[in-house]
């Protein structure tokens, strides 16, 4: 009976332990770091990324993406919006915990998509 009670107690102790495998929340920085409009030109297409709309703590913002025909100025497709958060090395779109690498150098914002960086120039 004592062995059964000991095993039951041990089982309860292990069941009460929290899961240590949970991923820690990243350290977010002020989303206003990349505030403003950024332009990327790729031949016939021009894309404008506008970062703004901040929550009370300036941690979460909204990004709007619009693509245009470089030559005619006509809008291509619909405006796309996403929420974003920043760490010192990654930008997380729409609640992603992994995010895209980015770097900011003076008036250049580079965001990594796949294996390559797309470089935007501040407008």
PDB file of N, CA and C in Angstrom:
ATOM      1  N   UNK A   1       0.829  -1.197   0.000  1.00  0.00           N
ATOM      2  CA  UNK A   1       0.000   0.000   0.000  1.00  0.00           C
ATOM      3  C   UNK A   1       0.868   1.254   0.000  1.00  0.00           C
ATOM      4  N   UNK A   2       1.991   1.209   0.773  1.00  0.00           N
ATOM      5  CA  UNK A   2       2.875   2.374   0.820  1.00  0.00           C
ATOM      6  C   UNK A   2       3.479   2.653  -0.555  1.00  0.00           C
ATOM      7  N   UNK A   3       3.843   1.578  -1.272  1.00  0.00           N
ATOM      8  CA  UNK A   3       4.422   1.768  -2.607  1.00  0.00           C
ATOM      9  C   UNK A   3       3.399   2.386  -3.557  1.00  0.00           C
ATOM     10  N   UNK A   4       2.169   1.948  -3.452  1.00  0.00           N
ATOM     11  CA  UNK A   4       1.113   2.491  -4.300  1.00  0.00           C
ATOM     12  C   UNK A   4       0.875   3.959  -4.002  1.00  0.00           C
ATOM     13  N   UNK A   5       0.879   4.313  -2.720  1.00  0.00           N
ATOM     14  CA  UNK A   5       0.692   5.709  -2.315  1.00  0.00           C
ATOM     15  C   UNK A   5       1.862   6.577  -2.801  1.00  0.00           C
ATOM     16  N   UNK A   6       3.089   6.042  -2.696  1.00  0.00           N
ATOM     17  CA  UNK A   6       4.276   6.769  -3.163  1.00  0.00           C
ATOM     18  C   UNK A   6       4.209   6.987  -4.673  1.00  0.00           C
ATOM     19  N   UNK A   7       3.833   5.943  -5.427  1.00  0.00           N
ATOM     20  CA  UNK A   7       3.716   6.082  -6.879  1.00  0.00           C
ATOM     21  C   UNK A   7       2.632   7.083  -7.265  1.00  0.00           C
ATOM     22  N   UNK A   8       1.535   7.063  -6.547  1.00  0.00           N
ATOM     23  CA  UNK A   8       0.460   8.010  -6.812  1.00  0.00           C
ATOM     24  C   UNK A   8       0.905   9.438  -6.544  1.00  0.00           C
ATOM     25  N   UNK A   9       1.650   9.633  -5.454  1.00  0.00           N
ATOM     26  CA  UNK A   9       2.176  10.963  -5.120  1.00  0.00           C
ATOM     27  C   UNK A   9       3.153  11.449  -6.185  1.00  0.00           C
ATOM     28  N   UNK A  10       4.047  10.575  -6.624  1.00  0.00           N
ATOM     29  CA  UNK A  10       5.001  10.944  -7.681  1.00  0.00           C
ATOM     30  C   UNK A  10       4.275  11.285  -8.985  1.00  0.00           C
ATOM     31  N   UNK A  11       3.270  10.512  -9.323  1.00  0.00           N
ATOM     32  CA  UNK A  11       2.509  10.778 -10.546  1.00  0.00           C
ATOM     33  C   UNK A  11       1.836  12.146 -10.477  1.00  0.00           C
ATOM     34  N   UNK A  12       1.300  12.488  -9.319  1.00  0.00           N
ATOM     35  CA  UNK A  12       0.662  13.800  -9.156  1.00  0.00           C
ATOM     36  C   UNK A  12       1.681  14.933  -9.278  1.00  0.00           C
ATOM     37  N   UNK A  13       2.881  14.719  -8.739  1.00  0.00           N
ATOM     38  CA  UNK A  13       3.911  15.758  -8.811  1.00  0.00           C
ATOM     39  C   UNK A  13       4.315  16.018 -10.261  1.00  0.00           C
ATOM     40  N   UNK A  14       4.502  14.950 -11.046  1.00  0.00           N
ATOM     41  CA  UNK A  14       4.895  15.143 -12.439  1.00  0.00           C
ATOM     42  C   UNK A  14       3.768  15.753 -13.263  1.00  0.00           C
ATOM     43  N   UNK A  15       2.551  15.410 -12.942  1.00  0.00           N
ATOM     44  CA  UNK A  15       1.411  15.968 -13.674  1.00  0.00           C
ATOM     45  C   UNK A  15       1.244  17.445 -13.375  1.00  0.00           C
ATOM     46  N   UNK A  16       1.686  17.894 -12.220  1.00  0.00           N
ATOM     47  CA  UNK A  16       1.534  19.289 -11.829  1.00  0.00           C
ATOM     48  C   UNK A  16       2.608  20.179 -12.416  1.00  0.00           C
ATOM     49  N   UNK A  17       3.684  19.607 -12.950  1.00  0.00           N
ATOM     50  CA  UNK A  17       4.769  20.410 -13.513  1.00  0.00           C
ATOM     51  C   UNK A  17       4.301  21.089 -14.797  1.00  0.00           C
ATOM     52  N   UNK A  18       4.780  22.306 -15.001  1.00  0.00           N
ATOM     53  CA  UNK A  18       4.419  23.024 -16.221  1.00  0.00           C
ATOM     54  C   UNK A  18       5.290  22.547 -17.374  1.00  0.00           C
ATOM     55  N   UNK A  19       4.847  22.817 -18.574  1.00  0.00           N
ATOM     56  CA  UNK A  19       5.569  22.424 -19.770  1.00  0.00           C
ATOM     57  C   UNK A  19       6.723  23.385 -19.991  1.00  0.00           C
ATOM     58  N   UNK A  20       7.960  22.882 -19.936  1.00  0.00           N
ATOM     59  CA  UNK A  20       9.143  23.720 -20.115  1.00  0.00           C
ATOM     60  C   UNK A  20       9.484  23.931 -21.580  1.00  0.00           C
ATOM     61  N   UNK A  21       8.755  23.278 -22.481  1.00  0.00           N
ATOM     62  CA  UNK A  21       9.059  23.373 -23.900  1.00  0.00           C
ATOM     63  C   UNK A  21       8.427  24.577 -24.578  1.00  0.00           C
ATOM     64  N   UNK A  22       7.677  25.379 -23.833  1.00  0.00           N
ATOM     65  CA  UNK A  22       7.031  26.540 -24.431  1.00  0.00           C
ATOM     66  C   UNK A  22       8.089  27.557 -24.854  1.00  0.00           C
ATOM     67  N   UNK A  23       7.882  28.124 -26.047  1.00  0.00           N
ATOM     68  CA  UNK A  23       8.823  29.103 -26.575  1.00  0.00           C
ATOM     69  C   UNK A  23       8.602  30.446 -25.882  1.00  0.00           C
ATOM     70  N   UNK A  24       9.695  31.061 -25.462  1.00  0.00           N
ATOM     71  CA  UNK A  24       9.611  32.346 -24.778  1.00  0.00           C
ATOM     72  C   UNK A  24       9.168  33.436 -25.754  1.00  0.00           C
ATOM     73  N   UNK A  25       8.422  34.390 -25.253  1.00  0.00           N
ATOM     74  CA  UNK A  25       7.971  35.526 -26.058  1.00  0.00           C
ATOM     75  C   UNK A  25       9.193  36.393 -26.393  1.00  0.00           C
ATOM     76  N   UNK A  26       9.365  36.795 -27.658  1.00  0.00           N
ATOM     77  CA  UNK A  26      10.522  37.621 -28.019  1.00  0.00           C
ATOM     78  C   UNK A  26      10.468  38.992 -27.339  1.00  0.00           C
ATOM     79  N   UNK A  27      11.600  39.645 -27.248  1.00  0.00           N
ATOM     80  CA  UNK A  27      11.664  41.010 -26.729  1.00  0.00           C
ATOM     81  C   UNK A  27      11.349  41.970 -27.872  1.00  0.00           C
ATOM     82  N   UNK A  28      10.141  42.537 -27.839  1.00  0.00           N
ATOM     83  CA  UNK A  28       9.732  43.455 -28.896  1.00  0.00           C
ATOM     84  C   UNK A  28      10.271  44.846 -28.618  1.00  0.00           C
ATOM     85  N   UNK A  29      10.565  45.572 -29.701  1.00  0.00           N
ATOM     86  CA  UNK A  29      11.027  46.955 -29.584  1.00  0.00           C
ATOM     87  C   UNK A  29       9.959  47.870 -30.173  1.00  0.00           C
ATOM     88  N   UNK A  30      10.166  49.154 -30.069  1.00  0.00           N
ATOM     89  CA  UNK A  30       9.207  50.149 -30.531  1.00  0.00           C
ATOM     90  C   UNK A  30       8.972  50.008 -32.041  1.00  0.00           C
ATOM     91  N   UNK A  31       7.728  49.737 -32.417  1.00  0.00           N
ATOM     92  CA  UNK A  31       7.370  49.533 -33.824  1.00  0.00           C
ATOM     93  C   UNK A  31       7.538  50.797 -34.656  1.00  0.00           C
ATOM     94  N   UNK A  32       7.630  51.948 -33.998  1.00  0.00           N
ATOM     95  CA  UNK A  32       7.762  53.212 -34.731  1.00  0.00           C
ATOM     96  C   UNK A  32       9.146  53.383 -35.350  1.00  0.00           C
ATOM     97  N   UNK A  33      10.064  52.468 -35.054  1.00  0.00           N
ATOM     98  CA  UNK A  33      11.414  52.521 -35.607  1.00  0.00           C
ATOM     99  C   UNK A  33      11.384  52.574 -37.135  1.00  0.00           C
ATOM    100  N   UNK A  34      10.419  51.896 -37.746  1.00  0.00           N
ATOM    101  CA  UNK A  34      10.341  51.872 -39.212  1.00  0.00           C
ATOM    102  C   UNK A  34       9.136  52.653 -39.727  1.00  0.00           C
ATOM    103  N   UNK A  35       8.615  53.536 -38.916  1.00  0.00           N
ATOM    104  CA  UNK A  35       7.442  54.338 -39.280  1.00  0.00           C
ATOM    105  C   UNK A  35       7.672  55.089 -40.583  1.00  0.00           C
ATOM    106  N   UNK A  36       6.626  55.158 -41.389  1.00  0.00           N
ATOM    107  CA  UNK A  36       6.684  55.924 -42.626  1.00  0.00           C
ATOM    108  C   UNK A  36       6.454  55.070 -43.851  1.00  0.00           C
ATOM    109  N   UNK A  37       6.714  55.654 -45.011  1.00  0.00           N
ATOM    110  CA  UNK A  37       6.508  54.970 -46.287  1.00  0.00           C
ATOM    111  C   UNK A  37       7.850  54.629 -46.902  1.00  0.00           C
ATOM    112  N   UNK A  38       7.916  53.431 -47.467  1.00  0.00           N
ATOM    113  CA  UNK A  38       9.135  52.895 -48.065  1.00  0.00           C
ATOM    114  C   UNK A  38       8.809  52.423 -49.473  1.00  0.00           C
ATOM    115  N   UNK A  39       9.716  52.668 -50.421  1.00  0.00           N
ATOM    116  CA  UNK A  39       9.467  52.372 -51.834  1.00  0.00           C
ATOM    117  C   UNK A  39      10.467  51.349 -52.352  1.00  0.00           C
ATOM    118  N   UNK A  40       9.946  50.346 -53.093  1.00  0.00           N
ATOM    119  CA  UNK A  40      10.773  49.347 -53.759  1.00  0.00           C
ATOM    120  C   UNK A  40      10.393  49.332 -55.225  1.00  0.00           C
ATOM    121  N   UNK A  41      11.385  49.463 -56.101  1.00  0.00           N
ATOM    122  CA  UNK A  41      11.138  49.441 -57.538  1.00  0.00           C
ATOM    123  C   UNK A  41      11.821  48.214 -58.118  1.00  0.00           C
ATOM    124  N   UNK A  42      11.044  47.410 -58.847  1.00  0.00           N
ATOM    125  CA  UNK A  42      11.573  46.226 -59.506  1.00  0.00           C
ATOM    126  C   UNK A  42      11.094  46.261 -60.952  1.00  0.00           C
ATOM    127  N   UNK A  43      11.790  47.011 -61.764  1.00  0.00           N
ATOM    128  CA  UNK A  43      11.417  47.107 -63.176  1.00  0.00           C
ATOM    129  C   UNK A  43      10.048  47.732 -63.360  1.00  0.00           C
ATOM    130  N   UNK A  44       9.077  46.941 -63.822  1.00  0.00           N
ATOM    131  CA  UNK A  44       7.745  47.445 -64.143  1.00  0.00           C
ATOM    132  C   UNK A  44       6.863  47.615 -62.907  1.00  0.00           C
ATOM    133  N   UNK A  45       7.288  47.106 -61.750  1.00  0.00           N
ATOM    134  CA  UNK A  45       6.474  47.198 -60.537  1.00  0.00           C
ATOM    135  C   UNK A  45       7.129  48.075 -59.478  1.00  0.00           C
ATOM    136  N   UNK A  46       6.325  48.873 -58.835  1.00  0.00           N
ATOM    137  CA  UNK A  46       6.756  49.679 -57.696  1.00  0.00           C
ATOM    138  C   UNK A  46       5.866  49.303 -56.520  1.00  0.00           C
ATOM    139  N   UNK A  47       6.473  48.999 -55.392  1.00  0.00           N
ATOM    140  CA  UNK A  47       5.708  48.653 -54.204  1.00  0.00           C
ATOM    141  C   UNK A  47       5.987  49.673 -53.112  1.00  0.00           C
ATOM    142  N   UNK A  48       4.925  50.146 -52.481  1.00  0.00           N
ATOM    143  CA  UNK A  48       5.032  51.090 -51.361  1.00  0.00           C
ATOM    144  C   UNK A  48       4.578  50.364 -50.099  1.00  0.00           C
ATOM    145  N   UNK A  49       5.448  50.308 -49.102  1.00  0.00           N
ATOM    146  CA  UNK A  49       5.124  49.751 -47.784  1.00  0.00           C
ATOM    147  C   UNK A  49       4.987  50.941 -46.836  1.00  0.00           C
ATOM    148  N   UNK A  50       3.846  51.061 -46.167  1.00  0.00           N
ATOM    149  CA  UNK A  50       3.638  52.146 -45.209  1.00  0.00           C
ATOM    150  C   UNK A  50       3.403  51.534 -43.836  1.00  0.00           C
ATOM    151  N   UNK A  51       4.251  51.917 -42.879  1.00  0.00           N
ATOM    152  CA  UNK A  51       4.170  51.403 -41.515  1.00  0.00           C
ATOM    153  C   UNK A  51       3.642  52.501 -40.605  1.00  0.00           C
ATOM    154  N   UNK A  52       2.586  52.202 -39.869  1.00  0.00           N
ATOM    155  CA  UNK A  52       1.983  53.183 -38.971  1.00  0.00           C
ATOM    156  C   UNK A  52       0.974  52.510 -38.052  1.00  0.00           C
ATOM    157  N   UNK A  53       0.001  53.272 -37.522  1.00  0.00           N
ATOM    158  CA  UNK A  53      -1.078  52.806 -36.650  1.00  0.00           C
ATOM    159  C   UNK A  53      -0.516  51.970 -35.507  1.00  0.00           C
ATOM    160  N   UNK A  54      -0.208  52.597 -34.406  1.00  0.00           N
ATOM    161  CA  UNK A  54       0.425  51.922 -33.277  1.00  0.00           C
ATOM    162  C   UNK A  54      -0.545  51.749 -32.131  1.00  0.00           C
ATOM    163  N   UNK A  55      -0.326  50.675 -31.353  1.00  0.00           N
ATOM    164  CA  UNK A  55      -1.124  50.472 -30.155  1.00  0.00           C
ATOM    165  C   UNK A  55      -0.611  51.410 -29.059  1.00  0.00           C
ATOM    166  N   UNK A  56      -1.211  51.351 -27.890  1.00  0.00           N
ATOM    167  CA  UNK A  56      -0.875  52.283 -26.809  1.00  0.00           C
ATOM    168  C   UNK A  56       0.587  52.169 -26.382  1.00  0.00           C
ATOM    169  N   UNK A  57       1.196  50.995 -26.539  1.00  0.00           N
ATOM    170  CA  UNK A  57       2.583  50.803 -26.126  1.00  0.00           C
ATOM    171  C   UNK A  57       3.577  50.937 -27.282  1.00  0.00           C
ATOM    172  N   UNK A  58       3.100  51.277 -28.466  1.00  0.00           N
ATOM    173  CA  UNK A  58       3.938  51.394 -29.669  1.00  0.00           C
ATOM    174  C   UNK A  58       4.670  50.098 -30.012  1.00  0.00           C
ATOM    175  N   UNK A  59       4.101  48.963 -29.617  1.00  0.00           N
ATOM    176  CA  UNK A  59       4.726  47.680 -29.911  1.00  0.00           C
ATOM    177  C   UNK A  59       4.145  47.068 -31.188  1.00  0.00           C
ATOM    178  N   UNK A  60       2.847  47.216 -31.389  1.00  0.00           N
ATOM    179  CA  UNK A  60       2.206  46.626 -32.551  1.00  0.00           C
ATOM    180  C   UNK A  60       1.768  47.730 -33.496  1.00  0.00           C
ATOM    181  N   UNK A  61       2.043  47.553 -34.775  1.00  0.00           N
ATOM    182  CA  UNK A  61       1.617  48.523 -35.775  1.00  0.00           C
ATOM    183  C   UNK A  61       0.905  47.846 -36.915  1.00  0.00           C
ATOM    184  N   UNK A  62       0.514  48.647 -37.888  1.00  0.00           N
ATOM    185  CA  UNK A  62      -0.143  48.123 -39.081  1.00  0.00           C
ATOM    186  C   UNK A  62       0.674  48.543 -40.297  1.00  0.00           C
ATOM    187  N   UNK A  63       0.826  47.592 -41.202  1.00  0.00           N
ATOM    188  CA  UNK A  63       1.556  47.832 -42.443  1.00  0.00           C
ATOM    189  C   UNK A  63       0.575  47.746 -43.595  1.00  0.00           C
ATOM    190  N   UNK A  64       0.683  48.679 -44.531  1.00  0.00           N
ATOM    191  CA  UNK A  64      -0.141  48.654 -45.743  1.00  0.00           C
ATOM    192  C   UNK A  64       0.786  48.537 -46.944  1.00  0.00           C
ATOM    193  N   UNK A  65       0.476  47.594 -47.825  1.00  0.00           N
ATOM    194  CA  UNK A  65       1.281  47.366 -49.026  1.00  0.00           C
ATOM    195  C   UNK A  65       0.431  47.650 -50.255  1.00  0.00           C
ATOM    196  N   UNK A  66       0.960  48.488 -51.139  1.00  0.00           N
ATOM    197  CA  UNK A  66       0.279  48.798 -52.395  1.00  0.00           C
ATOM    198  C   UNK A  66       1.302  48.682 -53.517  1.00  0.00           C
ATOM    199  N   UNK A  67       0.949  47.976 -54.587  1.00  0.00           N
ATOM    200  CA  UNK A  67       1.828  47.848 -55.747  1.00  0.00           C
ATOM    201  C   UNK A  67       1.256  48.639 -56.915  1.00  0.00           C
ATOM    202  N   UNK A  68       2.163  49.260 -57.675  1.00  0.00           N
ATOM    203  CA  UNK A  68       1.786  50.104 -58.808  1.00  0.00           C
ATOM    204  C   UNK A  68       2.572  49.691 -60.039  1.00  0.00           C
ATOM    205  N   UNK A  69       2.001  50.000 -61.194  1.00  0.00           N
ATOM    206  CA  UNK A  69       2.732  49.898 -62.450  1.00  0.00           C
ATOM    207  C   UNK A  69       3.714  51.068 -62.474  1.00  0.00           C
ATOM    208  N   UNK A  70       4.993  50.776 -62.560  1.00  0.00           N
ATOM    209  CA  UNK A  70       6.024  51.814 -62.492  1.00  0.00           C
ATOM    210  C   UNK A  70       5.852  52.862 -63.583  1.00  0.00           C
ATOM    211  N   UNK A  71       5.396  52.451 -64.756  1.00  0.00           N
ATOM    212  CA  UNK A  71       5.335  53.369 -65.890  1.00  0.00           C
ATOM    213  C   UNK A  71       4.040  54.169 -65.955  1.00  0.00           C
ATOM    214  N   UNK A  72       2.913  53.537 -65.646  1.00  0.00           N
ATOM    215  CA  UNK A  72       1.639  54.249 -65.756  1.00  0.00           C
ATOM    216  C   UNK A  72       1.161  54.801 -64.415  1.00  0.00           C
ATOM    217  N   UNK A  73       1.677  54.251 -63.324  1.00  0.00           N
ATOM    218  CA  UNK A  73       1.218  54.684 -62.000  1.00  0.00           C
ATOM    219  C   UNK A  73      -0.059  53.996 -61.562  1.00  0.00           C
ATOM    220  N   UNK A  74      -0.644  53.151 -62.414  1.00  0.00           N
ATOM    221  CA  UNK A  74      -1.878  52.452 -62.064  1.00  0.00           C
ATOM    222  C   UNK A  74      -1.663  51.421 -60.968  1.00  0.00           C
ATOM    223  N   UNK A  75      -2.629  51.304 -60.078  1.00  0.00           N
ATOM    224  CA  UNK A  75      -2.531  50.359 -58.962  1.00  0.00           C
ATOM    225  C   UNK A  75      -2.707  48.929 -59.455  1.00  0.00           C
ATOM    226  N   UNK A  76      -1.856  48.034 -58.984  1.00  0.00           N
ATOM    227  CA  UNK A  76      -1.939  46.620 -59.336  1.00  0.00           C
ATOM    228  C   UNK A  76      -2.551  45.869 -58.165  1.00  0.00           C
ATOM    229  N   UNK A  77      -3.714  45.309 -58.346  1.00  0.00           N
ATOM    230  CA  UNK A  77      -4.340  44.530 -57.288  1.00  0.00           C
ATOM    231  C   UNK A  77      -4.878  45.393 -56.158  1.00  0.00           C
ATOM    232  N   UNK A  78      -5.175  44.751 -55.045  1.00  0.00           N
ATOM    233  CA  UNK A  78      -5.744  45.427 -53.889  1.00  0.00           C
ATOM    234  C   UNK A  78      -4.666  45.818 -52.877  1.00  0.00           C
ATOM    235  N   UNK A  79      -5.011  46.778 -52.042  1.00  0.00           N
ATOM    236  CA  UNK A  79      -4.139  47.117 -50.922  1.00  0.00           C
ATOM    237  C   UNK A  79      -4.150  45.944 -49.963  1.00  0.00           C
ATOM    238  N   UNK A  80      -2.990  45.608 -49.429  1.00  0.00           N
ATOM    239  CA  UNK A  80      -2.891  44.530 -48.446  1.00  0.00           C
ATOM    240  C   UNK A  80      -2.465  45.142 -47.118  1.00  0.00           C
ATOM    241  N   UNK A  81      -3.081  44.681 -46.039  1.00  0.00           N
ATOM    242  CA  UNK A  81      -2.703  45.179 -44.726  1.00  0.00           C
ATOM    243  C   UNK A  81      -2.299  44.009 -43.835  1.00  0.00           C
ATOM    244  N   UNK A  82      -1.440  44.300 -42.890  1.00  0.00           N
ATOM    245  CA  UNK A  82      -0.987  43.305 -41.924  1.00  0.00           C
ATOM    246  C   UNK A  82      -0.607  44.035 -40.647  1.00  0.00           C
ATOM    247  N   UNK A  83      -0.702  43.344 -39.527  1.00  0.00           N
ATOM    248  CA  UNK A  83      -0.145  43.901 -38.300  1.00  0.00           C
ATOM    249  C   UNK A  83       1.300  43.425 -38.204  1.00  0.00           C
ATOM    250  N   UNK A  84       2.119  44.156 -37.466  1.00  0.00           N
ATOM    251  CA  UNK A  84       3.518  43.760 -37.341  1.00  0.00           C
ATOM    252  C   UNK A  84       4.060  44.143 -35.963  1.00  0.00           C
ATOM    253  N   UNK A  85       5.097  43.428 -35.563  1.00  0.00           N
ATOM    254  CA  UNK A  85       5.878  43.720 -34.364  1.00  0.00           C
ATOM    255  C   UNK A  85       7.345  43.584 -34.740  1.00  0.00           C
ATOM    256  N   UNK A  86       8.211  44.270 -34.009  1.00  0.00           N
ATOM    257  CA  UNK A  86       9.642  44.234 -34.294  1.00  0.00           C
ATOM    258  C   UNK A  86      10.439  43.698 -33.115  1.00  0.00           C
ATOM    259  N   UNK A  87      11.492  42.944 -33.428  1.00  0.00           N
ATOM    260  CA  UNK A  87      12.572  42.698 -32.477  1.00  0.00           C
ATOM    261  C   UNK A  87      13.780  43.407 -33.078  1.00  0.00           C
ATOM    262  N   UNK A  88      14.928  43.283 -32.494  1.00  0.00           N
ATOM    263  CA  UNK A  88      16.103  43.958 -33.057  1.00  0.00           C
ATOM    264  C   UNK A  88      16.540  43.352 -34.383  1.00  0.00           C
ATOM    265  N   UNK A  89      16.109  42.121 -34.678  1.00  0.00           N
ATOM    266  CA  UNK A  89      16.551  41.452 -35.904  1.00  0.00           C
ATOM    267  C   UNK A  89      15.428  40.967 -36.810  1.00  0.00           C
ATOM    268  N   UNK A  90      14.179  40.886 -36.301  1.00  0.00           N
ATOM    269  CA  UNK A  90      13.086  40.311 -37.084  1.00  0.00           C
ATOM    270  C   UNK A  90      11.841  41.184 -37.044  1.00  0.00           C
ATOM    271  N   UNK A  91      11.103  41.135 -38.140  1.00  0.00           N
ATOM    272  CA  UNK A  91       9.796  41.762 -38.202  1.00  0.00           C
ATOM    273  C   UNK A  91       8.777  40.635 -38.301  1.00  0.00           C
ATOM    274  N   UNK A  92       7.785  40.653 -37.388  1.00  0.00           N
ATOM    275  CA  UNK A  92       6.778  39.612 -37.346  1.00  0.00           C
ATOM    276  C   UNK A  92       5.471  40.152 -37.903  1.00  0.00           C
ATOM    277  N   UNK A  93       5.004  39.568 -39.004  1.00  0.00           N
ATOM    278  CA  UNK A  93       3.749  39.978 -39.607  1.00  0.00           C
ATOM    279  C   UNK A  93       2.621  39.076 -39.114  1.00  0.00           C
ATOM    280  N   UNK A  94       1.476  39.677 -38.791  1.00  0.00           N
ATOM    281  CA  UNK A  94       0.245  38.956 -38.433  1.00  0.00           C
ATOM    282  C   UNK A  94       0.443  37.888 -37.359  1.00  0.00           C
ATOM    283  N   UNK A  95       1.161  38.230 -36.307  1.00  0.00           N
ATOM    284  CA  UNK A  95       1.295  37.336 -35.155  1.00  0.00           C
ATOM    285  C   UNK A  95       2.307  36.227 -35.305  1.00  0.00           C
ATOM    286  N   UNK A  96       3.087  36.220 -36.371  1.00  0.00           N
ATOM    287  CA  UNK A  96       4.113  35.195 -36.554  1.00  0.00           C
ATOM    288  C   UNK A  96       5.132  35.274 -35.428  1.00  0.00           C
ATOM    289  N   UNK A  97       5.594  34.135 -34.944  1.00  0.00           N
ATOM    290  CA  UNK A  97       6.625  34.097 -33.904  1.00  0.00           C
ATOM    291  C   UNK A  97       8.013  33.963 -34.502  1.00  0.00           C
ATOM    292  N   UNK A  98       8.099  33.654 -35.791  1.00  0.00           N
ATOM    293  CA  UNK A  98       9.389  33.485 -36.452  1.00  0.00           C
ATOM    294  C   UNK A  98       9.787  34.780 -37.148  1.00  0.00           C
ATOM    295  N   UNK A  99       8.969  35.245 -38.032  1.00  0.00           N
ATOM    296  CA  UNK A  99       9.194  36.525 -38.693  1.00  0.00           C
ATOM    297  C   UNK A  99      10.261  36.499 -39.773  1.00  0.00           C
ATOM    298  N   UNK A 100      10.458  37.660 -40.377  1.00  0.00           N
ATOM    299  CA  UNK A 100      11.445  37.851 -41.426  1.00  0.00           C
ATOM    300  C   UNK A 100      12.596  38.676 -40.864  1.00  0.00           C
ATOM    301  N   UNK A 101      13.809  38.309 -41.219  1.00  0.00           N
ATOM    302  CA  UNK A 101      14.949  39.128 -40.824  1.00  0.00           C
ATOM    303  C   UNK A 101      14.826  40.484 -41.506  1.00  0.00           C
ATOM    304  N   UNK A 102      15.330  41.522 -40.841  1.00  0.00           N
ATOM    305  CA  UNK A 102      15.350  42.843 -41.457  1.00  0.00           C
ATOM    306  C   UNK A 102      16.555  43.600 -40.935  1.00  0.00           C
ATOM    307  N   UNK A 103      16.927  44.645 -41.656  1.00  0.00           N
ATOM    308  CA  UNK A 103      17.896  45.598 -41.109  1.00  0.00           C
ATOM    309  C   UNK A 103      17.547  46.978 -41.618  1.00  0.00           C
ATOM    310  N   UNK A 104      17.929  47.948 -40.829  1.00  0.00           N
ATOM    311  CA  UNK A 104      17.649  49.346 -41.125  1.00  0.00           C
ATOM    312  C   UNK A 104      18.981  50.064 -41.178  1.00  0.00           C
ATOM    313  N   UNK A 105      19.261  50.712 -42.300  1.00  0.00           N
ATOM    314  CA  UNK A 105      20.525  51.428 -42.477  1.00  0.00           C
ATOM    315  C   UNK A 105      20.216  52.788 -43.087  1.00  0.00           C
ATOM    316  N   UNK A 106      20.229  53.816 -42.249  1.00  0.00           N
ATOM    317  CA  UNK A 106      19.898  55.184 -42.670  1.00  0.00           C
ATOM    318  C   UNK A 106      18.518  55.192 -43.322  1.00  0.00           C
ATOM    319  N   UNK A 107      18.443  55.425 -44.632  1.00  0.00           N
ATOM    320  CA  UNK A 107      17.158  55.503 -45.330  1.00  0.00           C
ATOM    321  C   UNK A 107      16.854  54.247 -46.130  1.00  0.00           C
ATOM    322  N   UNK A 108      17.430  53.112 -45.728  1.00  0.00           N
ATOM    323  CA  UNK A 108      17.174  51.836 -46.391  1.00  0.00           C
ATOM    324  C   UNK A 108      16.629  50.843 -45.376  1.00  0.00           C
ATOM    325  N   UNK A 109      15.504  50.237 -45.715  1.00  0.00           N
ATOM    326  CA  UNK A 109      14.920  49.161 -44.922  1.00  0.00           C
ATOM    327  C   UNK A 109      14.986  47.908 -45.785  1.00  0.00           C
ATOM    328  N   UNK A 110      15.678  46.877 -45.318  1.00  0.00           N
ATOM    329  CA  UNK A 110      15.795  45.631 -46.074  1.00  0.00           C
ATOM    330  C   UNK A 110      15.079  44.530 -45.299  1.00  0.00           C
ATOM    331  N   UNK A 111      14.163  43.830 -45.958  1.00  0.00           N
ATOM    332  CA  UNK A 111      13.411  42.736 -45.348  1.00  0.00           C
ATOM    333  C   UNK A 111      13.710  41.468 -46.137  1.00  0.00           C
ATOM    334  N   UNK A 112      14.062  40.406 -45.418  1.00  0.00           N
ATOM    335  CA  UNK A 112      14.433  39.144 -46.064  1.00  0.00           C
ATOM    336  C   UNK A 112      13.189  38.302 -46.325  1.00  0.00           C
ATOM    337  N   UNK A 113      13.003  37.966 -47.588  1.00  0.00           N
ATOM    338  CA  UNK A 113      11.935  37.059 -48.022  1.00  0.00           C
ATOM    339  C   UNK A 113      12.622  35.870 -48.673  1.00  0.00           C
ATOM    340  N   UNK A 114      12.502  34.689 -48.079  1.00  0.00           N
ATOM    341  CA  UNK A 114      13.212  33.518 -48.603  1.00  0.00           C
ATOM    342  C   UNK A 114      14.707  33.682 -48.375  1.00  0.00           C
ATOM    343  N   UNK A 115      15.484  33.616 -49.434  1.00  0.00           N
ATOM    344  CA  UNK A 115      16.945  33.726 -49.327  1.00  0.00           C
ATOM    345  C   UNK A 115      17.460  35.140 -49.604  1.00  0.00           C
ATOM    346  N   UNK A 116      16.600  36.041 -50.093  1.00  0.00           N
ATOM    347  CA  UNK A 116      17.054  37.361 -50.526  1.00  0.00           C
ATOM    348  C   UNK A 116      16.404  38.484 -49.740  1.00  0.00           C
ATOM    349  N   UNK A 117      17.106  39.597 -49.654  1.00  0.00           N
ATOM    350  CA  UNK A 117      16.581  40.806 -49.035  1.00  0.00           C
ATOM    351  C   UNK A 117      15.943  41.695 -50.097  1.00  0.00           C
ATOM    352  N   UNK A 118      14.796  42.262 -49.771  1.00  0.00           N
ATOM    353  CA  UNK A 118      14.184  43.291 -50.604  1.00  0.00           C
ATOM    354  C   UNK A 118      14.485  44.612 -49.933  1.00  0.00           C
ATOM    355  N   UNK A 119      15.132  45.524 -50.673  1.00  0.00           N
ATOM    356  CA  UNK A 119      15.555  46.802 -50.103  1.00  0.00           C
ATOM    357  C   UNK A 119      14.589  47.900 -50.503  1.00  0.00           C
ATOM    358  N   UNK A 120      14.047  48.569 -49.487  1.00  0.00           N
ATOM    359  CA  UNK A 120      13.132  49.681 -49.660  1.00  0.00           C
ATOM    360  C   UNK A 120      13.854  50.970 -49.309  1.00  0.00           C
ATOM    361  N   UNK A 121      13.527  52.049 -50.023  1.00  0.00           N
ATOM    362  CA  UNK A 121      14.103  53.372 -49.771  1.00  0.00           C
ATOM    363  C   UNK A 121      13.036  54.238 -49.144  1.00  0.00           C
ATOM    364  N   UNK A 122      13.423  54.970 -48.074  1.00  0.00           N
ATOM    365  CA  UNK A 122      12.471  55.850 -47.394  1.00  0.00           C
ATOM    366  C   UNK A 122      11.990  56.939 -48.338  1.00  0.00           C
ATOM    367  N   UNK A 123      10.675  57.192 -48.319  1.00  0.00           N
ATOM    368  CA  UNK A 123      10.091  58.224 -49.185  1.00  0.00           C
ATOM    369  C   UNK A 123      10.020  59.540 -48.433  1.00  0.00           C
TER     370      UNK A 123
END
